[in-house]
Structures are given as C-alpha cells and as structure tokens.
Amino acid sequence: MRTEKKRSLLKRRRWRIRKKVNGTESRPRMSVRMTHKNIYVQFVNDETGCTVASVTSRDKAVENRDNLAANIDGAKQIGKLAGEAAKSAGIESVVFDRSGTRYHGKIKALAEAAREAGLKI
C-alpha cells in the first residue's frame, strides 16, 4: 500500500475518533501521538480549544531524554510524567485519545503508567 494512502487512512481514522471523543474543563482529552522517535502527550480542553498541560520525550525537563526512545520503556516514563503533569495542573480524570493507533504495546504501557501515577482514564 502506498504511503499516501496509509496517511490518508490514518487521518480519516483520527477524524472519526475525534467526532466522538471530546474533552471538557473537568475532564480534558489526553491526546497521545507517537512517532518513530518521540512521544507526545497533551491534555486538551476542547470547549475552549486550549492545551492545559503537555509532556513530550523532547522536553528539556525530562531526565535522560537523549536515551529516551519511542518504545515501551520510554512510554512508561512519559506516562508517569504525564500523570504528574496532570496532577500539578489539577486534572484528576481524562478522556483517552489514542489518535487512531491500536490499544496495545506502547499506547497500553503509557496509559497504564498514567493510571499508576493517579489519573482516571
């Protein structure tokens, strides 16, 4: 399958999910995006259209960011940091947006680490 076709299918899948998953002020959307090298997590209030908190594997505040990769171990560390960032922003409960990827492997590890950090997903 051509890469353009794969990208368009992923984009359509993301749009389909975003129609159903919306974040509010009391329960923002936890948007997770993975690339081959990095992990991005944002807590978004869709009512106002603003990002409440965010954590990436590229942040300067993240320890060992040079050794951090987009694998299961990196996802666990970023999930733990995302849970802590959410707690510091006053977020206790979120709606999980996996951006069209399957719930296994890295995504599952990130979600479980965020739950262990105290988030309700």
Protein backbone atom coordinates (compact mmCIF):
# COMPACT_ATOMS: atom_id res chain seq x y z
CA MET A 1 0.00 0.00 0.00
CA ARG A 2 1.31 3.45 -0.85
CA THR A 3 2.39 5.72 1.98
CA GLU A 4 -0.02 8.46 0.86
CA LYS A 5 -2.91 6.03 1.15
CA LYS A 6 -1.76 4.92 4.63
CA ARG A 7 -1.53 8.53 5.79
CA SER A 8 -4.97 9.37 4.47
CA LEU A 9 -6.48 6.30 6.16
CA LEU A 10 -4.82 7.24 9.46
CA LYS A 11 -6.08 10.81 9.12
CA ARG A 12 -9.64 9.62 8.46
CA ARG A 13 -9.44 7.26 11.45
CA ARG A 14 -8.29 10.15 13.66
CA TRP A 15 -11.18 12.35 12.46
CA ARG A 16 -13.68 9.57 13.12
CA ILE A 17 -12.41 9.17 16.69
CA ARG A 18 -12.31 12.94 17.32
CA LYS A 19 -16.02 13.23 16.48
CA LYS A 20 -16.77 11.02 19.49
CA VAL A 21 -14.01 11.94 21.96
CA ASN A 22 -14.26 15.46 23.38
CA GLY A 23 -12.56 16.98 26.40
CA THR A 24 -14.17 19.35 28.86
CA GLU A 25 -12.80 21.58 31.59
CA SER A 26 -13.48 18.99 34.29
CA ARG A 27 -12.35 16.05 32.13
CA PRO A 28 -9.90 17.08 29.39
CA ARG A 29 -8.82 14.92 26.48
CA MET A 30 -5.46 13.16 26.87
CA SER A 31 -4.15 13.13 23.30
CA VAL A 32 -1.27 10.73 22.64
CA ARG A 33 0.78 10.86 19.45
CA MET A 34 3.71 8.58 18.66
CA THR A 35 6.36 8.98 16.00
CA HIS A 36 9.19 6.58 15.38
CA LYS A 37 11.48 8.57 17.69
CA ASN A 38 9.31 10.61 20.07
CA ILE A 39 6.19 10.52 22.22
CA TYR A 40 3.84 13.49 22.64
CA VAL A 41 1.07 13.78 25.26
CA GLN A 42 -1.28 16.77 25.57
CA PHE A 43 -4.19 17.47 27.89
CA VAL A 44 -6.68 19.49 25.81
CA ASN A 45 -9.85 21.33 26.80
CA ASP A 46 -11.91 21.17 23.60
CA GLU A 47 -14.55 23.62 24.83
CA THR A 48 -12.06 26.50 24.86
CA GLY A 49 -9.59 24.93 22.43
CA CYS A 50 -6.54 25.25 24.67
CA THR A 51 -3.88 22.88 25.92
CA VAL A 52 -3.91 22.58 29.71
CA ALA A 53 -0.66 20.61 30.10
CA SER A 54 1.74 18.71 27.87
CA VAL A 55 4.69 16.33 28.11
CA THR A 56 6.98 15.15 25.33
CA SER A 57 10.05 13.00 25.12
CA ARG A 58 11.83 16.07 23.71
CA ASP A 59 11.29 18.31 26.78
CA LYS A 60 14.42 19.66 28.40
CA ALA A 61 12.91 18.91 31.81
CA VAL A 62 12.79 15.17 31.04
CA GLU A 63 15.73 13.27 32.51
CA ASN A 64 17.77 11.10 30.11
CA ARG A 65 15.91 12.49 27.12
CA ASP A 66 18.80 11.53 24.84
CA ASN A 67 18.39 7.88 25.83
CA LEU A 68 14.58 8.03 25.74
CA ALA A 69 13.07 6.33 22.70
CA ALA A 70 9.57 5.68 21.41
CA ASN A 71 9.40 2.18 22.84
CA ILE A 72 7.57 0.57 25.77
CA ASP A 73 10.12 1.70 28.37
CA GLY A 74 10.00 5.28 27.09
CA ALA A 75 6.20 5.17 27.03
CA LYS A 76 6.15 4.11 30.69
CA GLN A 77 8.39 7.03 31.68
CA ILE A 78 6.39 9.55 29.65
CA GLY A 79 3.11 8.14 31.05
CA LYS A 80 4.39 8.64 34.58
CA LEU A 81 5.49 12.21 33.77
CA ALA A 82 2.14 12.89 32.08
CA GLY A 83 0.29 11.75 35.20
CA GLU A 84 2.42 14.03 37.36
CA ALA A 85 1.93 16.99 34.99
CA ALA A 86 -1.82 16.43 35.02
CA LYS A 87 -1.90 16.30 38.82
CA SER A 88 0.06 19.55 39.03
CA ALA A 89 -2.45 21.16 36.63
CA GLY A 90 -5.35 19.98 38.79
CA ILE A 91 -6.55 17.22 36.47
CA GLU A 92 -7.82 14.01 38.04
CA SER A 93 -9.86 12.40 35.27
CA VAL A 94 -9.29 12.40 31.49
CA VAL A 95 -10.73 11.08 28.24
CA PHE A 96 -8.11 8.99 26.42
CA ASP A 97 -7.48 9.82 22.75
CA ARG A 98 -5.05 7.35 21.18
CA SER A 99 -5.07 9.14 17.79
CA GLY A 100 -6.11 6.16 15.73
CA THR A 101 -3.48 3.70 16.95
CA ARG A 102 -4.33 0.36 18.47
CA TYR A 103 -4.51 -0.03 22.23
CA HIS A 104 -1.56 -2.37 22.74
CA GLY A 105 2.18 -2.13 23.20
CA LYS A 106 3.41 1.44 23.67
CA ILE A 107 -0.04 3.02 23.96
CA LYS A 108 -1.14 0.48 26.58
CA ALA A 109 2.09 0.94 28.58
CA LEU A 110 1.67 4.73 28.53
CA ALA A 111 -1.96 4.53 29.68
CA GLU A 112 -1.15 2.09 32.49
CA ALA A 113 1.75 4.26 33.71
CA ALA A 114 -0.56 7.31 33.74
CA ARG A 115 -3.11 5.30 35.76
CA GLU A 116 -0.41 4.30 38.25
CA ALA A 117 0.52 7.99 38.59
CA GLY A 118 -3.06 8.67 39.73
CA LEU A 119 -5.05 9.57 36.61
CA LYS A 120 -8.51 8.16 35.97
CA ILE A 121 -8.81 7.19 32.31
